[in-house]
C-alpha atoms as a PDB file:
ATOM      1  CA  UNK A   1       0.000   0.000   0.000  1.00  0.00           C
ATOM      2  CA  UNK A   2       1.401   3.383  -0.984  1.00  0.00           C
ATOM      3  CA  UNK A   3       1.377   5.859   1.909  1.00  0.00           C
ATOM      4  CA  UNK A   4      -1.228   5.983   4.639  1.00  0.00           C
ATOM      5  CA  UNK A   5      -4.626   7.421   3.784  1.00  0.00           C
ATOM      6  CA  UNK A   6      -5.371  10.645   5.607  1.00  0.00           C
ATOM      7  CA  UNK A   7      -9.081  10.144   6.257  1.00  0.00           C
ATOM      8  CA  UNK A   8     -11.239   7.299   7.566  1.00  0.00           C
ATOM      9  CA  UNK A   9     -13.311   7.243   4.370  1.00  0.00           C
ATOM     10  CA  UNK A  10     -10.175   6.728   2.279  1.00  0.00           C
ATOM     11  CA  UNK A  11      -9.176   3.792   4.480  1.00  0.00           C
ATOM     12  CA  UNK A  12     -12.609   2.191   4.140  1.00  0.00           C
ATOM     13  CA  UNK A  13     -12.537   2.707   0.368  1.00  0.00           C
ATOM     14  CA  UNK A  14      -9.106   1.058   0.196  1.00  0.00           C
ATOM     15  CA  UNK A  15     -10.371  -1.927   2.223  1.00  0.00           C
ATOM     16  CA  UNK A  16     -13.377  -2.310  -0.129  1.00  0.00           C
ATOM     17  CA  UNK A  17     -11.174  -1.985  -3.243  1.00  0.00           C
ATOM     18  CA  UNK A  18      -8.778  -4.621  -1.869  1.00  0.00           C
ATOM     19  CA  UNK A  19     -11.684  -6.995  -1.162  1.00  0.00           C
ATOM     20  CA  UNK A  20     -13.092  -6.546  -4.673  1.00  0.00           C
ATOM     21  CA  UNK A  21      -9.638  -7.141  -6.193  1.00  0.00           C
ATOM     22  CA  UNK A  22      -9.251 -10.342  -4.144  1.00  0.00           C
ATOM     23  CA  UNK A  23     -12.695 -11.779  -4.969  1.00  0.00           C
ATOM     24  CA  UNK A  24     -12.350 -14.841  -7.212  1.00  0.00           C
ATOM     25  CA  UNK A  25     -13.576 -14.578 -10.784  1.00  0.00           C
ATOM     26  CA  UNK A  26     -16.074 -16.033 -11.269  1.00  0.00           C
ATOM     27  CA  UNK A  27     -17.083 -15.594  -7.621  1.00  0.00           C
ATOM     28  CA  UNK A  28     -17.388 -18.729  -5.520  1.00  0.00           C
ATOM     29  CA  UNK A  29     -20.157 -19.034  -2.947  1.00  0.00           C
ATOM     30  CA  UNK A  30     -21.379 -20.993   0.038  1.00  0.00           C
ATOM     31  CA  UNK A  31     -24.140 -22.479  -2.146  1.00  0.00           C
ATOM     32  CA  UNK A  32     -27.043 -20.999  -0.140  1.00  0.00           C
ATOM     33  CA  UNK A  33     -27.590 -17.778  -2.103  1.00  0.00           C
ATOM     34  CA  UNK A  34     -31.209 -16.988  -2.999  1.00  0.00           C
ATOM     35  CA  UNK A  35     -32.191 -15.305  -6.268  1.00  0.00           C
ATOM     36  CA  UNK A  36     -32.880 -11.630  -5.576  1.00  0.00           C
ATOM     37  CA  UNK A  37     -31.262 -11.774  -2.140  1.00  0.00           C
ATOM     38  CA  UNK A  38     -28.061 -10.369  -0.744  1.00  0.00           C
ATOM     39  CA  UNK A  39     -24.607 -11.905  -0.901  1.00  0.00           C
ATOM     40  CA  UNK A  40     -21.866 -10.964   1.543  1.00  0.00           C
ATOM     41  CA  UNK A  41     -18.102 -10.707   1.038  1.00  0.00           C
ATOM     42  CA  UNK A  42     -15.864 -10.422   4.100  1.00  0.00           C
ATOM     43  CA  UNK A  43     -13.592  -7.403   3.703  1.00  0.00           C
ATOM     44  CA  UNK A  44     -10.734  -9.401   5.227  1.00  0.00           C
ATOM     45  CA  UNK A  45     -11.337 -12.768   3.524  1.00  0.00           C
ATOM     46  CA  UNK A  46     -12.773 -11.936   0.085  1.00  0.00           C
ATOM     47  CA  UNK A  47     -10.816 -14.762  -1.557  1.00  0.00           C
ATOM     48  CA  UNK A  48     -13.229 -17.154   0.181  1.00  0.00           C
ATOM     49  CA  UNK A  49     -16.081 -15.839  -1.988  1.00  0.00           C
ATOM     50  CA  UNK A  50     -19.669 -14.698  -1.487  1.00  0.00           C
ATOM     51  CA  UNK A  51     -21.757 -15.997   1.417  1.00  0.00           C
ATOM     52  CA  UNK A  52     -25.413 -16.023   2.383  1.00  0.00           C
ATOM     53  CA  UNK A  53     -26.321 -14.125   5.560  1.00  0.00           C
ATOM     54  CA  UNK A  54     -26.203 -17.200   7.827  1.00  0.00           C
ATOM     55  CA  UNK A  55     -22.795 -18.298   6.518  1.00  0.00           C
ATOM     56  CA  UNK A  56     -21.484 -14.720   6.720  1.00  0.00           C
ATOM     57  CA  UNK A  57     -22.626 -14.497  10.365  1.00  0.00           C
ATOM     58  CA  UNK A  58     -20.965 -17.847  11.156  1.00  0.00           C
ATOM     59  CA  UNK A  59     -17.759 -16.711   9.432  1.00  0.00           C
ATOM     60  CA  UNK A  60     -17.673 -13.532  11.508  1.00  0.00           C
ATOM     61  CA  UNK A  61     -17.507 -15.645  14.674  1.00  0.00           C
ATOM     62  CA  UNK A  62     -14.102 -16.928  13.497  1.00  0.00           C
ATOM     63  CA  UNK A  63     -12.586 -13.427  13.448  1.00  0.00           C
ATOM     64  CA  UNK A  64     -10.056 -12.551  16.133  1.00  0.00           C
ATOM     65  CA  UNK A  65     -10.797  -9.471  18.272  1.00  0.00           C
ATOM     66  CA  UNK A  66      -8.433  -7.216  16.287  1.00  0.00           C
ATOM     67  CA  UNK A  67     -10.309  -7.995  13.058  1.00  0.00           C
ATOM     68  CA  UNK A  68     -13.849  -7.869  14.434  1.00  0.00           C
ATOM     69  CA  UNK A  69     -13.282  -4.825  16.650  1.00  0.00           C
ATOM     70  CA  UNK A  70     -10.602  -2.993  14.648  1.00  0.00           C
ATOM     71  CA  UNK A  71     -11.729   0.370  13.296  1.00  0.00           C
ATOM     72  CA  UNK A  72     -11.295   0.568   9.528  1.00  0.00           C
ATOM     73  CA  UNK A  73     -10.664   4.314   9.838  1.00  0.00           C
ATOM     74  CA  UNK A  74      -7.839   4.417  12.391  1.00  0.00           C
ATOM     75  CA  UNK A  75      -7.217   0.722  13.263  1.00  0.00           C
ATOM     76  CA  UNK A  76      -7.970   1.289  16.967  1.00  0.00           C
ATOM     77  CA  UNK A  77      -9.484  -1.767  18.663  1.00  0.00           C
ATOM     78  CA  UNK A  78     -12.763  -0.744  20.302  1.00  0.00           C
ATOM     79  CA  UNK A  79     -15.477  -2.734  22.098  1.00  0.00           C
ATOM     80  CA  UNK A  80     -18.162  -1.257  19.793  1.00  0.00           C
ATOM     81  CA  UNK A  81     -17.970  -0.076  16.178  1.00  0.00           C
ATOM     82  CA  UNK A  82     -20.473   1.498  13.814  1.00  0.00           C
ATOM     83  CA  UNK A  83     -20.983  -1.271  11.233  1.00  0.00           C
ATOM     84  CA  UNK A  84     -20.720  -0.540   7.528  1.00  0.00           C
ATOM     85  CA  UNK A  85     -21.857  -2.601   4.560  1.00  0.00           C
ATOM     86  CA  UNK A  86     -20.957  -1.369   1.103  1.00  0.00           C
ATOM     87  CA  UNK A  87     -22.859  -2.571  -1.974  1.00  0.00           C
ATOM     88  CA  UNK A  88     -20.475  -3.347  -4.841  1.00  0.00           C
ATOM     89  CA  UNK A  89     -22.905  -4.537  -7.505  1.00  0.00           C
ATOM     90  CA  UNK A  90     -24.919  -7.471  -8.797  1.00  0.00           C
ATOM     91  CA  UNK A  91     -23.649 -10.933  -9.629  1.00  0.00           C
ATOM     92  CA  UNK A  92     -25.114 -14.189 -10.834  1.00  0.00           C
ATOM     93  CA  UNK A  93     -23.662 -16.994  -8.747  1.00  0.00           C
ATOM     94  CA  UNK A  94     -24.956 -20.574  -9.063  1.00  0.00           C
ATOM     95  CA  UNK A  95     -27.992 -19.244 -10.988  1.00  0.00           C
ATOM     96  CA  UNK A  96     -28.880 -16.788  -8.196  1.00  0.00           C
ATOM     97  CA  UNK A  97     -28.821 -13.083  -9.091  1.00  0.00           C
ATOM     98  CA  UNK A  98     -27.712 -11.307  -5.897  1.00  0.00           C
ATOM     99  CA  UNK A  99     -26.714  -7.863  -4.681  1.00  0.00           C
ATOM    100  CA  UNK A 100     -23.186  -8.223  -3.305  1.00  0.00           C
ATOM    101  CA  UNK A 101     -22.075  -6.285  -0.230  1.00  0.00           C
ATOM    102  CA  UNK A 102     -18.596  -5.980   1.288  1.00  0.00           C
ATOM    103  CA  UNK A 103     -19.062  -6.384   5.041  1.00  0.00           C
ATOM    104  CA  UNK A 104     -16.967  -6.717   8.213  1.00  0.00           C
ATOM    105  CA  UNK A 105     -16.243  -3.014   8.066  1.00  0.00           C
ATOM    106  CA  UNK A 106     -16.704  -0.613  10.953  1.00  0.00           C
ATOM    107  CA  UNK A 107     -15.775   2.780  12.338  1.00  0.00           C
ATOM    108  CA  UNK A 108     -15.124   3.857  15.913  1.00  0.00           C
ATOM    109  CA  UNK A 109     -16.863   6.855  17.512  1.00  0.00           C
ATOM    110  CA  UNK A 110     -13.872   9.102  16.696  1.00  0.00           C
ATOM    111  CA  UNK A 111     -13.811   8.245  12.973  1.00  0.00           C
ATOM    112  CA  UNK A 112     -17.542   8.129  12.295  1.00  0.00           C
ATOM    113  CA  UNK A 113     -18.164  11.897  12.656  1.00  0.00           C
ATOM    114  CA  UNK A 114     -15.111  12.631  10.466  1.00  0.00           C
ATOM    115  CA  UNK A 115     -16.501  10.324   7.789  1.00  0.00           C
ATOM    116  CA  UNK A 116     -19.967  11.905   8.008  1.00  0.00           C
ATOM    117  CA  UNK A 117     -18.346  15.333   7.556  1.00  0.00           C
ATOM    118  CA  UNK A 118     -16.466  14.115   4.491  1.00  0.00           C
ATOM    119  CA  UNK A 119     -19.632  12.675   2.991  1.00  0.00           C
ATOM    120  CA  UNK A 120     -21.260  16.112   3.318  1.00  0.00           C
ATOM    121  CA  UNK A 121     -18.230  17.797   1.714  1.00  0.00           C
ATOM    122  CA  UNK A 122     -16.999  19.339   4.968  1.00  0.00           C
ATOM    123  CA  UNK A 123     -13.455  18.976   6.280  1.00  0.00           C
END
């Protein structure tokens, strides 16, 4: 990675871009995706493919504390984060057309207001 991003939103965008770049082509899946439903890609383990909600929830339980509670804006480990889920597009996987989200992203209380300010064009 070239240089450190200066804002939390840049860090989140880099994490999403890295997950998309790591996603297999064609995407693999857990096999439980439902046509018209969501599909979830772990921001840290995108190479494992797209999961249904139940499999994504089960996968999250395998994350160590620093992954599950690490802020994607500043990397601080906090007991609570504001969760983020970023839609990245549609895909047809095993005949199911799904909306794919990159998940396992979160911001701490310090980074969330800075990100909201950036989204409004302030700061």
